[in-house]
Protein backbone atom coordinates (compact mmCIF):
# COMPACT_ATOMS: atom_id res chain seq x y z
CA MET A 1 81.76 113.75 95.46
CA GLY A 2 80.12 113.25 98.69
CA TRP A 3 80.43 114.32 102.27
CA LEU A 4 79.80 113.06 105.94
CA ALA A 5 79.15 114.80 109.01
CA LEU A 6 78.89 113.19 112.50
CA GLU A 7 78.63 114.65 116.01
CA GLY A 8 81.34 113.17 118.30
CA GLY A 9 80.38 109.91 120.17
CA THR A 10 79.51 106.54 119.34
CA GLY A 11 76.29 104.97 117.88
CA SER A 12 75.16 102.80 115.08
CA TRP A 13 74.30 103.54 111.56
CA ASN A 14 72.50 101.17 109.20
CA VAL A 15 73.34 98.58 111.68
CA GLN A 16 77.05 99.33 111.77
CA ALA A 17 78.79 100.50 114.94
CA TYR A 18 80.67 103.81 114.48
CA GLU A 19 82.82 106.11 116.59
CA ALA A 20 83.41 109.85 115.81
CA ALA A 21 86.09 111.75 117.91
CA GLN A 22 88.38 114.71 117.43
CA ASN A 23 91.83 114.33 118.75
CA SER A 24 93.71 116.83 121.19
CA ASN A 25 96.79 118.85 120.04
CA ALA A 26 98.81 115.95 121.40
CA VAL A 27 99.14 114.25 117.87
CA THR A 28 102.70 115.17 116.47
CA HIS A 29 105.01 113.13 114.28
CA ALA A 30 105.45 110.53 116.80
CA TRP A 31 103.07 107.62 117.07
CA TYR A 32 100.24 108.31 119.39
CA GLN A 33 97.91 105.72 120.69
CA ILE A 34 94.15 106.40 120.34
CA SER A 35 91.64 104.19 122.44
CA PHE A 36 88.15 103.73 121.16
CA GLY A 37 85.11 104.55 123.44
CA GLN A 38 83.77 101.19 122.72
CA SER A 39 85.17 97.77 121.64
CA PHE A 40 84.17 96.80 118.06
CA GLY A 41 83.37 92.96 117.11
CA SER A 42 86.22 93.12 114.67
CA ALA A 43 89.08 95.81 113.85
CA PRO A 44 86.65 98.61 112.37
CA ARG A 45 87.64 100.53 108.98
CA CYS A 46 89.36 103.99 109.53
CA LEU A 47 87.96 107.29 108.02
CA ALA A 48 90.07 110.24 108.95
CA ALA A 49 90.87 113.78 107.89
CA LEU A 50 92.74 116.79 108.85
CA ALA A 51 90.98 119.59 109.97
CA THR A 52 93.42 122.21 110.85
CA TYR A 53 97.16 122.71 110.88
CA ASP A 54 99.42 123.60 113.79
CA GLY A 55 102.32 126.08 112.76
CA GLY A 56 104.16 126.34 109.48
CA ASP A 57 105.36 122.71 109.19
CA SER A 58 103.97 120.51 106.49
CA THR A 59 101.10 118.23 107.80
CA HIS A 60 100.10 114.81 106.68
CA LEU A 61 97.83 112.26 108.19
CA ARG A 62 98.98 108.69 108.91
CA TYR A 63 97.90 105.78 110.80
CA SER A 64 99.45 102.30 111.40
CA ARG A 65 97.26 99.59 109.77
CA THR A 66 98.59 97.05 111.79
CA SER A 67 97.89 98.95 115.13
CA LEU A 68 94.03 99.02 114.10
CA THR A 69 92.37 96.61 116.69
CA THR A 70 88.96 96.36 118.03
CA SER A 71 89.86 98.49 120.97
CA GLY A 72 92.07 101.33 119.42
CA MET A 73 94.78 102.46 116.84
CA GLN A 74 98.00 104.60 116.43
CA CYS A 75 98.27 107.66 114.25
CA SER A 76 100.51 110.48 113.83
């Protein structure tokens, strides 16, 4: 078991570029485009988690692997 805590923003960790952000309440069951604040040299890896729920509906985190590019991704 481990954990990772990052402040929002962009940076470099052990020579690897990263970006940490929190999405707005606009993410729903419909696909939502997230634009990165920086451009990566190749499509980055995605590490994501749910931090809260909105209402009584069940919640699941998903992202489209085919949409993950150097400049953004889609999630719902």
